[in-house]
N, C-alpha and C. Protein backbone atom coordinates (compact mmCIF):
# COMPACT_ATOMS: atom_id res chain seq x y z
N MET A 1 -46.79 -16.34 -23.09
CA MET A 1 -46.77 -16.63 -21.67
C MET A 1 -46.72 -18.13 -21.43
N LYS A 2 -47.48 -18.89 -22.25
CA LYS A 2 -47.47 -20.33 -22.08
C LYS A 2 -46.10 -20.91 -22.36
N ARG A 3 -45.39 -20.35 -23.37
CA ARG A 3 -44.04 -20.81 -23.67
C ARG A 3 -43.09 -20.53 -22.51
N LEU A 4 -43.21 -19.35 -21.89
CA LEU A 4 -42.35 -19.00 -20.78
C LEU A 4 -42.56 -19.96 -19.62
N ILE A 5 -43.81 -20.25 -19.27
CA ILE A 5 -44.10 -21.18 -18.18
C ILE A 5 -43.55 -22.56 -18.50
N LEU A 6 -43.76 -23.02 -19.74
CA LEU A 6 -43.25 -24.33 -20.14
C LEU A 6 -41.73 -24.36 -20.09
N THR A 7 -41.06 -23.30 -20.56
CA THR A 7 -39.60 -23.25 -20.52
C THR A 7 -39.09 -23.28 -19.09
N LEU A 8 -39.71 -22.48 -18.20
CA LEU A 8 -39.29 -22.48 -16.79
C LEU A 8 -39.51 -23.85 -16.16
N PHE A 9 -40.62 -24.48 -16.48
CA PHE A 9 -40.91 -25.80 -15.91
C PHE A 9 -39.90 -26.83 -16.38
N ILE A 10 -39.58 -26.87 -17.67
CA ILE A 10 -38.61 -27.83 -18.20
C ILE A 10 -37.23 -27.56 -17.63
N ALA A 11 -36.84 -26.29 -17.55
CA ALA A 11 -35.54 -25.95 -16.97
C ALA A 11 -35.45 -26.37 -15.52
N SER A 12 -36.54 -26.21 -14.78
CA SER A 12 -36.51 -26.59 -13.37
C SER A 12 -36.46 -28.11 -13.23
N LEU A 13 -37.12 -28.85 -14.12
CA LEU A 13 -37.04 -30.31 -14.05
C LEU A 13 -35.64 -30.80 -14.35
N SER A 14 -34.94 -30.13 -15.30
CA SER A 14 -33.60 -30.57 -15.66
C SER A 14 -32.60 -30.37 -14.53
N SER A 15 -32.87 -29.43 -13.62
CA SER A 15 -31.94 -29.20 -12.52
C SER A 15 -32.51 -29.70 -11.19
N PHE A 16 -33.52 -30.55 -11.25
CA PHE A 16 -34.21 -31.06 -10.07
C PHE A 16 -33.25 -31.69 -9.06
N ALA A 17 -32.23 -32.38 -9.52
CA ALA A 17 -31.34 -33.12 -8.62
C ALA A 17 -30.38 -32.23 -7.85
N PHE A 18 -30.21 -30.98 -8.25
CA PHE A 18 -29.20 -30.15 -7.62
C PHE A 18 -29.59 -29.61 -6.25
N ALA A 19 -30.86 -29.32 -6.02
CA ALA A 19 -31.26 -28.77 -4.73
C ALA A 19 -32.74 -28.99 -4.50
N GLN A 20 -33.09 -29.15 -3.25
CA GLN A 20 -34.49 -29.32 -2.90
C GLN A 20 -34.82 -28.40 -1.73
N TRP A 21 -35.56 -27.34 -2.02
CA TRP A 21 -35.92 -26.36 -1.01
C TRP A 21 -36.79 -27.03 0.04
N GLY A 22 -36.59 -26.66 1.29
CA GLY A 22 -37.38 -27.24 2.37
C GLY A 22 -36.70 -28.41 3.03
N GLU A 23 -35.61 -28.90 2.46
CA GLU A 23 -34.91 -30.04 3.03
C GLU A 23 -33.78 -29.60 3.95
N GLU A 24 -33.34 -28.33 3.82
CA GLU A 24 -32.22 -27.87 4.61
C GLU A 24 -32.60 -27.70 6.08
N GLU A 25 -31.63 -27.81 6.93
CA GLU A 25 -31.83 -27.64 8.36
C GLU A 25 -31.71 -26.16 8.71
N MET A 26 -32.51 -25.73 9.67
CA MET A 26 -32.36 -24.38 10.21
C MET A 26 -31.49 -24.49 11.44
N SER A 27 -30.69 -23.46 11.69
CA SER A 27 -29.91 -23.47 12.92
C SER A 27 -30.88 -23.37 14.10
N GLU A 28 -30.38 -23.66 15.28
CA GLU A 28 -31.26 -23.62 16.46
C GLU A 28 -31.90 -22.25 16.64
N LYS A 29 -31.14 -21.21 16.35
CA LYS A 29 -31.68 -19.85 16.45
C LYS A 29 -31.43 -19.13 15.12
N PRO A 30 -32.28 -19.42 14.10
CA PRO A 30 -32.07 -18.75 12.82
C PRO A 30 -32.32 -17.25 12.94
N THR A 31 -31.55 -16.49 12.18
CA THR A 31 -31.72 -15.04 12.19
C THR A 31 -32.98 -14.68 11.41
N LEU A 32 -33.44 -13.47 11.60
CA LEU A 32 -34.59 -12.98 10.86
C LEU A 32 -34.30 -13.01 9.36
N ARG A 33 -33.07 -12.68 9.00
CA ARG A 33 -32.67 -12.71 7.58
C ARG A 33 -32.79 -14.12 7.00
N ASP A 34 -32.49 -15.14 7.79
CA ASP A 34 -32.60 -16.52 7.33
C ASP A 34 -34.06 -16.94 7.13
N ARG A 35 -34.97 -16.31 7.83
CA ARG A 35 -36.38 -16.70 7.77
C ARG A 35 -37.21 -15.92 6.74
N ILE A 36 -36.78 -14.74 6.36
CA ILE A 36 -37.57 -13.88 5.48
C ILE A 36 -37.19 -14.12 4.01
N PHE A 37 -38.20 -14.14 3.15
CA PHE A 37 -37.95 -14.19 1.71
C PHE A 37 -38.90 -13.24 1.02
N VAL A 38 -38.49 -12.78 -0.16
CA VAL A 38 -39.31 -11.87 -0.96
C VAL A 38 -39.36 -12.39 -2.39
N GLY A 39 -40.33 -11.92 -3.12
CA GLY A 39 -40.45 -12.33 -4.52
C GLY A 39 -41.67 -11.71 -5.13
N GLY A 40 -42.23 -12.40 -6.10
CA GLY A 40 -43.44 -11.92 -6.71
C GLY A 40 -43.43 -12.03 -8.20
N GLY A 41 -44.27 -11.24 -8.83
CA GLY A 41 -44.41 -11.28 -10.27
C GLY A 41 -44.44 -9.90 -10.88
N PHE A 42 -44.21 -9.87 -12.19
CA PHE A 42 -44.20 -8.63 -12.94
C PHE A 42 -44.71 -8.95 -14.34
N GLY A 43 -45.59 -8.13 -14.86
CA GLY A 43 -46.12 -8.37 -16.20
C GLY A 43 -46.13 -7.09 -17.01
N LEU A 44 -45.90 -7.23 -18.31
CA LEU A 44 -45.86 -6.09 -19.20
C LEU A 44 -46.25 -6.56 -20.59
N SER A 45 -47.20 -5.87 -21.22
CA SER A 45 -47.63 -6.25 -22.55
C SER A 45 -48.10 -5.01 -23.30
N PHE A 46 -47.72 -4.93 -24.58
CA PHE A 46 -48.15 -3.82 -25.42
C PHE A 46 -48.68 -4.39 -26.73
N SER A 47 -49.78 -3.82 -27.21
CA SER A 47 -50.32 -4.22 -28.51
C SER A 47 -51.07 -3.03 -29.09
N SER A 48 -51.61 -3.22 -30.28
CA SER A 48 -52.37 -2.13 -30.90
C SER A 48 -53.75 -1.99 -30.24
N TYR A 49 -54.19 -3.04 -29.49
CA TYR A 49 -55.50 -2.99 -28.86
C TYR A 49 -55.42 -2.55 -27.39
N TYR A 50 -54.41 -3.05 -26.65
CA TYR A 50 -54.31 -2.65 -25.24
C TYR A 50 -52.87 -2.71 -24.75
N ASP A 51 -52.62 -1.97 -23.66
CA ASP A 51 -51.35 -2.01 -22.93
C ASP A 51 -51.66 -2.54 -21.55
N TYR A 52 -50.70 -3.28 -20.99
CA TYR A 52 -50.91 -3.91 -19.69
C TYR A 52 -49.63 -3.82 -18.88
N PHE A 53 -49.77 -3.52 -17.59
CA PHE A 53 -48.66 -3.51 -16.65
C PHE A 53 -49.15 -4.10 -15.34
N SER A 54 -48.37 -4.98 -14.73
CA SER A 54 -48.75 -5.50 -13.41
C SER A 54 -47.51 -5.75 -12.57
N ILE A 55 -47.69 -5.65 -11.28
CA ILE A 55 -46.63 -5.97 -10.32
C ILE A 55 -47.30 -6.61 -9.10
N SER A 56 -46.70 -7.66 -8.59
CA SER A 56 -47.29 -8.36 -7.44
C SER A 56 -46.19 -8.87 -6.50
N PRO A 57 -45.66 -7.99 -5.65
CA PRO A 57 -44.61 -8.40 -4.72
C PRO A 57 -45.17 -9.24 -3.57
N ILE A 58 -44.35 -10.15 -3.04
CA ILE A 58 -44.72 -10.90 -1.84
C ILE A 58 -43.57 -10.83 -0.84
N ILE A 59 -43.91 -11.01 0.41
CA ILE A 59 -42.91 -11.17 1.46
C ILE A 59 -43.39 -12.31 2.34
N GLY A 60 -42.48 -13.20 2.67
CA GLY A 60 -42.84 -14.37 3.44
C GLY A 60 -41.90 -14.62 4.59
N TYR A 61 -42.32 -15.52 5.45
CA TYR A 61 -41.57 -15.86 6.66
C TYR A 61 -41.54 -17.38 6.80
N LYS A 62 -40.33 -17.94 6.92
CA LYS A 62 -40.18 -19.39 7.11
C LYS A 62 -40.45 -19.72 8.57
N ILE A 63 -41.61 -20.31 8.83
CA ILE A 63 -41.98 -20.71 10.18
C ILE A 63 -41.13 -21.92 10.58
N THR A 64 -41.01 -22.88 9.67
CA THR A 64 -40.09 -24.00 9.78
C THR A 64 -39.42 -24.11 8.41
N PRO A 65 -38.44 -25.00 8.23
CA PRO A 65 -37.84 -25.12 6.90
C PRO A 65 -38.84 -25.50 5.81
N LYS A 66 -39.95 -26.17 6.15
CA LYS A 66 -40.91 -26.62 5.15
C LYS A 66 -42.23 -25.83 5.14
N PHE A 67 -42.47 -25.01 6.15
CA PHE A 67 -43.76 -24.33 6.29
C PHE A 67 -43.53 -22.82 6.31
N VAL A 68 -44.18 -22.10 5.36
CA VAL A 68 -44.02 -20.65 5.26
C VAL A 68 -45.38 -19.97 5.20
N GLY A 69 -45.40 -18.73 5.61
CA GLY A 69 -46.58 -17.89 5.49
C GLY A 69 -46.14 -16.55 4.96
N GLY A 70 -47.09 -15.80 4.40
CA GLY A 70 -46.71 -14.50 3.89
C GLY A 70 -47.88 -13.68 3.41
N ILE A 71 -47.55 -12.51 2.90
CA ILE A 71 -48.55 -11.60 2.36
C ILE A 71 -48.10 -11.14 0.97
N GLY A 72 -49.06 -10.75 0.17
CA GLY A 72 -48.75 -10.25 -1.16
C GLY A 72 -49.62 -9.05 -1.50
N LEU A 73 -49.11 -8.22 -2.35
CA LEU A 73 -49.84 -7.07 -2.87
C LEU A 73 -49.94 -7.22 -4.38
N GLN A 74 -50.97 -6.64 -4.97
CA GLN A 74 -51.15 -6.72 -6.42
C GLN A 74 -51.61 -5.37 -6.96
N TYR A 75 -51.06 -5.02 -8.11
CA TYR A 75 -51.51 -3.83 -8.82
C TYR A 75 -51.42 -4.12 -10.31
N SER A 76 -52.44 -3.73 -11.07
CA SER A 76 -52.37 -3.83 -12.53
C SER A 76 -53.05 -2.62 -13.17
N HIS A 77 -52.56 -2.27 -14.32
CA HIS A 77 -53.09 -1.14 -15.08
C HIS A 77 -53.33 -1.61 -16.52
N TYR A 78 -54.53 -1.36 -17.04
CA TYR A 78 -54.88 -1.67 -18.42
C TYR A 78 -55.23 -0.38 -19.14
N LYS A 79 -54.83 -0.30 -20.38
CA LYS A 79 -55.25 0.80 -21.25
C LYS A 79 -55.79 0.17 -22.52
N TYR A 80 -57.12 0.25 -22.70
CA TYR A 80 -57.80 -0.32 -23.86
C TYR A 80 -57.86 0.75 -24.95
N LYS A 81 -57.13 0.53 -26.03
CA LYS A 81 -57.00 1.52 -27.09
C LYS A 81 -58.11 1.44 -28.15
N GLY A 82 -58.94 0.43 -28.08
CA GLY A 82 -60.00 0.24 -29.07
C GLY A 82 -61.16 1.20 -28.90
N TYR A 83 -61.09 2.06 -27.91
CA TYR A 83 -62.17 3.02 -27.64
C TYR A 83 -61.61 4.43 -27.82
N SER A 84 -62.50 5.37 -28.10
CA SER A 84 -62.06 6.74 -28.21
C SER A 84 -62.88 7.59 -27.26
N PRO A 85 -62.32 8.17 -26.23
CA PRO A 85 -60.92 8.04 -25.84
C PRO A 85 -60.64 6.66 -25.23
N ALA A 86 -59.36 6.31 -25.12
CA ALA A 86 -58.95 5.01 -24.56
C ALA A 86 -59.45 4.88 -23.12
N ILE A 87 -59.85 3.67 -22.76
CA ILE A 87 -60.31 3.39 -21.39
C ILE A 87 -59.12 2.86 -20.59
N GLN A 88 -58.91 3.46 -19.41
CA GLN A 88 -57.83 3.02 -18.53
C GLN A 88 -58.42 2.54 -17.22
N THR A 89 -57.94 1.39 -16.74
CA THR A 89 -58.42 0.84 -15.47
C THR A 89 -57.24 0.52 -14.57
N ASN A 90 -57.47 0.61 -13.27
CA ASN A 90 -56.46 0.28 -12.26
C ASN A 90 -57.07 -0.71 -11.29
N ASN A 91 -56.35 -1.78 -11.02
CA ASN A 91 -56.83 -2.84 -10.13
C ASN A 91 -55.79 -3.05 -9.04
N TYR A 92 -56.26 -3.33 -7.84
CA TYR A 92 -55.32 -3.55 -6.74
C TYR A 92 -55.94 -4.50 -5.73
N GLY A 93 -55.07 -5.05 -4.89
CA GLY A 93 -55.54 -5.98 -3.87
C GLY A 93 -54.39 -6.54 -3.05
N GLY A 94 -54.74 -7.53 -2.27
CA GLY A 94 -53.75 -8.16 -1.40
C GLY A 94 -54.15 -9.58 -1.09
N SER A 95 -53.21 -10.31 -0.52
CA SER A 95 -53.47 -11.70 -0.17
C SER A 95 -52.64 -12.12 1.03
N VAL A 96 -53.10 -13.18 1.68
CA VAL A 96 -52.39 -13.83 2.78
C VAL A 96 -52.30 -15.30 2.40
N PHE A 97 -51.11 -15.91 2.55
CA PHE A 97 -50.96 -17.29 2.10
C PHE A 97 -50.17 -18.13 3.10
N LEU A 98 -50.38 -19.44 3.01
CA LEU A 98 -49.59 -20.45 3.71
C LEU A 98 -49.15 -21.48 2.69
N ARG A 99 -47.92 -21.97 2.82
CA ARG A 99 -47.39 -22.96 1.89
C ARG A 99 -46.60 -24.01 2.67
N TYR A 100 -46.83 -25.27 2.34
CA TYR A 100 -46.11 -26.37 2.99
C TYR A 100 -45.43 -27.22 1.94
N ASN A 101 -44.12 -27.36 2.06
CA ASN A 101 -43.32 -28.17 1.16
C ASN A 101 -43.35 -29.61 1.69
N PHE A 102 -44.07 -30.50 0.99
CA PHE A 102 -44.25 -31.85 1.53
C PHE A 102 -43.32 -32.91 0.95
N TYR A 103 -42.75 -32.69 -0.24
CA TYR A 103 -41.86 -33.69 -0.81
C TYR A 103 -40.94 -33.03 -1.84
N GLY A 104 -39.66 -32.96 -1.56
CA GLY A 104 -38.73 -32.34 -2.51
C GLY A 104 -39.20 -30.98 -2.92
N PRO A 105 -39.38 -30.75 -4.23
CA PRO A 105 -39.79 -29.42 -4.70
C PRO A 105 -41.30 -29.21 -4.73
N LEU A 106 -42.09 -30.19 -4.29
CA LEU A 106 -43.55 -30.09 -4.37
C LEU A 106 -44.13 -29.47 -3.10
N PHE A 107 -45.14 -28.62 -3.28
CA PHE A 107 -45.76 -27.97 -2.13
C PHE A 107 -47.26 -27.86 -2.30
N VAL A 108 -47.95 -27.69 -1.18
CA VAL A 108 -49.37 -27.34 -1.17
C VAL A 108 -49.46 -25.88 -0.73
N HIS A 109 -50.49 -25.20 -1.21
CA HIS A 109 -50.60 -23.76 -1.00
C HIS A 109 -52.06 -23.42 -0.76
N THR A 110 -52.31 -22.54 0.20
CA THR A 110 -53.66 -22.02 0.43
C THR A 110 -53.55 -20.51 0.56
N GLU A 111 -54.60 -19.81 0.12
CA GLU A 111 -54.51 -18.36 0.05
C GLU A 111 -55.90 -17.72 0.12
N TYR A 112 -55.96 -16.60 0.82
CA TYR A 112 -57.13 -15.74 0.78
C TYR A 112 -56.69 -14.48 0.02
N GLU A 113 -57.49 -14.07 -0.97
CA GLU A 113 -57.13 -12.92 -1.80
C GLU A 113 -58.33 -11.98 -1.89
N TYR A 114 -58.05 -10.70 -1.81
CA TYR A 114 -59.08 -9.68 -2.06
C TYR A 114 -58.58 -8.79 -3.20
N LEU A 115 -59.40 -8.62 -4.23
CA LEU A 115 -59.06 -7.75 -5.36
C LEU A 115 -60.15 -6.71 -5.55
N ASP A 116 -59.75 -5.47 -5.71
CA ASP A 116 -60.66 -4.39 -6.07
C ASP A 116 -60.42 -4.13 -7.54
N TYR A 117 -61.39 -4.52 -8.36
CA TYR A 117 -61.20 -4.57 -9.81
C TYR A 117 -62.06 -3.53 -10.50
N GLN A 118 -61.48 -2.82 -11.44
CA GLN A 118 -62.18 -1.80 -12.20
C GLN A 118 -62.45 -2.36 -13.60
N PHE A 119 -63.73 -2.53 -13.95
CA PHE A 119 -64.09 -3.11 -15.24
C PHE A 119 -64.29 -2.06 -16.32
N THR A 120 -64.81 -0.91 -15.95
CA THR A 120 -64.93 0.23 -16.86
C THR A 120 -64.49 1.45 -16.06
N GLU A 121 -64.48 2.60 -16.69
CA GLU A 121 -64.05 3.79 -15.95
C GLU A 121 -64.98 4.13 -14.80
N THR A 122 -66.22 3.61 -14.82
CA THR A 122 -67.18 3.93 -13.75
C THR A 122 -67.58 2.72 -12.92
N GLN A 123 -67.24 1.49 -13.34
CA GLN A 123 -67.63 0.30 -12.59
C GLN A 123 -66.44 -0.36 -11.92
N ARG A 124 -66.52 -0.47 -10.61
CA ARG A 124 -65.48 -1.09 -9.79
C ARG A 124 -66.18 -2.06 -8.85
N GLN A 125 -65.54 -3.22 -8.61
CA GLN A 125 -66.14 -4.23 -7.74
C GLN A 125 -65.05 -4.96 -6.97
N GLY A 126 -65.34 -5.30 -5.72
CA GLY A 126 -64.41 -6.07 -4.91
C GLY A 126 -64.72 -7.56 -4.98
N PHE A 127 -63.67 -8.38 -4.98
CA PHE A 127 -63.81 -9.84 -5.05
C PHE A 127 -62.95 -10.49 -3.98
N SER A 128 -63.55 -11.39 -3.21
CA SER A 128 -62.82 -12.20 -2.24
C SER A 128 -62.71 -13.61 -2.79
N SER A 129 -61.53 -14.20 -2.67
CA SER A 129 -61.31 -15.55 -3.19
C SER A 129 -60.55 -16.38 -2.17
N PHE A 130 -61.03 -17.59 -1.92
CA PHE A 130 -60.28 -18.57 -1.14
C PHE A 130 -59.80 -19.62 -2.12
N MET A 131 -58.46 -19.79 -2.19
CA MET A 131 -57.87 -20.71 -3.17
C MET A 131 -56.95 -21.70 -2.48
N ALA A 132 -56.86 -22.89 -3.06
CA ALA A 132 -55.94 -23.91 -2.57
C ALA A 132 -55.47 -24.76 -3.74
N GLY A 133 -54.28 -25.30 -3.61
CA GLY A 133 -53.74 -26.15 -4.66
C GLY A 133 -52.32 -26.53 -4.35
N GLY A 134 -51.54 -26.70 -5.38
CA GLY A 134 -50.16 -27.12 -5.20
C GLY A 134 -49.28 -26.61 -6.30
N GLY A 135 -47.99 -26.92 -6.14
CA GLY A 135 -47.05 -26.44 -7.13
C GLY A 135 -45.69 -27.06 -7.00
N PHE A 136 -44.77 -26.47 -7.69
CA PHE A 136 -43.40 -26.94 -7.84
C PHE A 136 -42.47 -25.76 -7.63
N PHE A 137 -41.46 -25.92 -6.76
CA PHE A 137 -40.49 -24.86 -6.50
C PHE A 137 -39.10 -25.40 -6.79
N GLN A 138 -38.34 -24.68 -7.61
CA GLN A 138 -36.97 -25.09 -7.92
C GLN A 138 -35.99 -24.01 -7.49
N PRO A 139 -35.11 -24.32 -6.54
CA PRO A 139 -34.11 -23.33 -6.13
C PRO A 139 -33.15 -22.98 -7.26
N ILE A 140 -32.71 -21.76 -7.23
CA ILE A 140 -31.64 -21.27 -8.10
C ILE A 140 -30.62 -20.67 -7.16
N GLY A 141 -29.67 -21.44 -6.75
CA GLY A 141 -28.72 -20.99 -5.74
C GLY A 141 -29.32 -21.19 -4.35
N ARG A 142 -28.68 -20.57 -3.35
CA ARG A 142 -29.10 -20.79 -1.96
C ARG A 142 -30.31 -19.97 -1.54
N ARG A 143 -30.49 -18.77 -2.12
CA ARG A 143 -31.52 -17.86 -1.63
C ARG A 143 -32.53 -17.41 -2.69
N ALA A 144 -32.65 -18.16 -3.80
CA ALA A 144 -33.60 -17.77 -4.84
C ALA A 144 -34.17 -19.02 -5.51
N GLY A 145 -35.29 -18.85 -6.21
CA GLY A 145 -35.88 -19.97 -6.91
C GLY A 145 -37.06 -19.54 -7.76
N ILE A 146 -37.54 -20.48 -8.57
CA ILE A 146 -38.71 -20.23 -9.40
C ILE A 146 -39.83 -21.17 -8.97
N PHE A 147 -41.07 -20.77 -9.22
CA PHE A 147 -42.19 -21.62 -8.87
C PHE A 147 -43.26 -21.59 -9.95
N VAL A 148 -44.01 -22.67 -10.02
CA VAL A 148 -45.19 -22.78 -10.86
C VAL A 148 -46.25 -23.44 -9.98
N MET A 149 -47.46 -22.89 -9.95
CA MET A 149 -48.51 -23.49 -9.14
C MET A 149 -49.86 -23.40 -9.82
N ALA A 150 -50.72 -24.36 -9.46
CA ALA A 150 -52.10 -24.37 -9.93
C ALA A 150 -53.00 -24.34 -8.69
N LEU A 151 -53.91 -23.38 -8.65
CA LEU A 151 -54.81 -23.22 -7.52
C LEU A 151 -56.25 -23.35 -7.99
N TYR A 152 -57.10 -23.84 -7.12
CA TYR A 152 -58.53 -23.88 -7.39
C TYR A 152 -59.20 -22.80 -6.56
N ASN A 153 -59.98 -21.94 -7.20
CA ASN A 153 -60.67 -20.84 -6.53
C ASN A 153 -62.04 -21.35 -6.06
N PHE A 154 -62.14 -21.67 -4.77
CA PHE A 154 -63.39 -22.19 -4.21
C PHE A 154 -64.50 -21.13 -4.16
N SER A 155 -64.15 -19.86 -4.29
CA SER A 155 -65.12 -18.77 -4.26
C SER A 155 -65.62 -18.38 -5.65
N TYR A 156 -65.11 -19.03 -6.68
CA TYR A 156 -65.46 -18.65 -8.05
C TYR A 156 -66.94 -18.89 -8.33
N GLN A 157 -67.55 -17.90 -8.97
CA GLN A 157 -68.93 -18.03 -9.44
C GLN A 157 -68.95 -17.61 -10.89
N ASN A 158 -69.51 -18.45 -11.74
CA ASN A 158 -69.61 -18.14 -13.16
C ASN A 158 -70.52 -16.93 -13.32
N PRO A 159 -70.02 -15.85 -13.93
CA PRO A 159 -70.84 -14.64 -14.02
C PRO A 159 -72.02 -14.81 -14.99
N THR A 160 -73.14 -14.27 -14.60
CA THR A 160 -74.31 -14.25 -15.48
C THR A 160 -74.19 -13.00 -16.36
N PRO A 161 -74.99 -12.90 -17.41
CA PRO A 161 -74.92 -11.70 -18.27
C PRO A 161 -75.10 -10.42 -17.43
N GLY A 162 -74.22 -9.47 -17.67
CA GLY A 162 -74.25 -8.21 -16.93
C GLY A 162 -73.40 -8.22 -15.68
N GLN A 163 -72.89 -9.39 -15.27
CA GLN A 163 -72.00 -9.48 -14.11
C GLN A 163 -70.56 -9.58 -14.60
N TYR A 164 -69.64 -9.29 -13.70
CA TYR A 164 -68.22 -9.37 -14.02
C TYR A 164 -67.55 -10.38 -13.10
N SER A 165 -66.39 -10.85 -13.52
CA SER A 165 -65.57 -11.74 -12.70
C SER A 165 -64.10 -11.43 -12.96
N VAL A 166 -63.29 -11.55 -11.94
CA VAL A 166 -61.85 -11.31 -12.08
C VAL A 166 -61.20 -12.45 -12.85
N TYR A 167 -61.63 -13.68 -12.59
CA TYR A 167 -61.03 -14.86 -13.21
C TYR A 167 -61.98 -15.45 -14.25
N ASN A 168 -61.40 -16.05 -15.29
CA ASN A 168 -62.19 -16.68 -16.35
C ASN A 168 -62.70 -18.06 -15.96
N SER A 169 -62.07 -18.68 -14.98
CA SER A 169 -62.46 -20.02 -14.52
C SER A 169 -62.01 -20.18 -13.08
N PRO A 170 -62.41 -21.26 -12.42
CA PRO A 170 -61.95 -21.46 -11.05
C PRO A 170 -60.48 -21.90 -10.97
N LEU A 171 -59.86 -22.28 -12.09
CA LEU A 171 -58.46 -22.69 -12.10
C LEU A 171 -57.57 -21.47 -12.30
N VAL A 172 -56.62 -21.26 -11.39
CA VAL A 172 -55.70 -20.13 -11.44
C VAL A 172 -54.28 -20.69 -11.53
N ILE A 173 -53.55 -20.32 -12.59
CA ILE A 173 -52.17 -20.77 -12.80
C ILE A 173 -51.25 -19.59 -12.53
N ARG A 174 -50.18 -19.82 -11.75
CA ARG A 174 -49.23 -18.76 -11.44
C ARG A 174 -47.81 -19.28 -11.59
N ALA A 175 -46.90 -18.36 -11.92
CA ALA A 175 -45.48 -18.67 -12.00
C ALA A 175 -44.73 -17.43 -11.55
N GLY A 176 -43.57 -17.61 -10.95
CA GLY A 176 -42.81 -16.45 -10.49
C GLY A 176 -41.45 -16.83 -9.96
N ILE A 177 -40.79 -15.82 -9.39
CA ILE A 177 -39.44 -15.95 -8.84
C ILE A 177 -39.48 -15.45 -7.40
N THR A 178 -38.77 -16.16 -6.50
CA THR A 178 -38.60 -15.67 -5.14
C THR A 178 -37.11 -15.52 -4.87
N ALA A 179 -36.77 -14.59 -3.99
CA ALA A 179 -35.37 -14.37 -3.64
C ALA A 179 -35.28 -13.93 -2.19
N GLY A 180 -34.31 -14.44 -1.49
CA GLY A 180 -34.07 -14.03 -0.10
C GLY A 180 -32.98 -12.99 -0.06
N PHE A 181 -33.15 -11.96 0.75
CA PHE A 181 -32.13 -10.91 0.85
C PHE A 181 -31.68 -10.76 2.29
């Protein structure tokens, strides 16, 4: 995963001069299609110890050429094979975000996220997180692009023994693709 993020980041830096999202002008009356964008993430992993699947679609709205807001959904499924029988968990949640492109491909991002997380077959807990940070967006053509961002989770609490946490630290790193249709 670290190699993929590094490869995407280097590739986006090499094409930095070709386009800068947020710099284009909107027509006086942009259509709904011009303002809406979709994207998200997808994860898949298989090993002898566990299987993992995740999907996290987003839909956003360009309020101005540089300022967007949107919502996201998240779902993940884990199957831990080290137990007999295997333990399977399902996690889901949603988020609301705002993003402002302040200079070329650089942006600031703020987000409220709620996750309902299943730690064992019988233990489930909800987590609310307020996060803020920044990132880098590189267009790929007129209506698509890739992003990498680092967020700080202001709601993070280091779990004590017997407690659970969704995140391992207050730093949350994300990467993904967005596309307008």
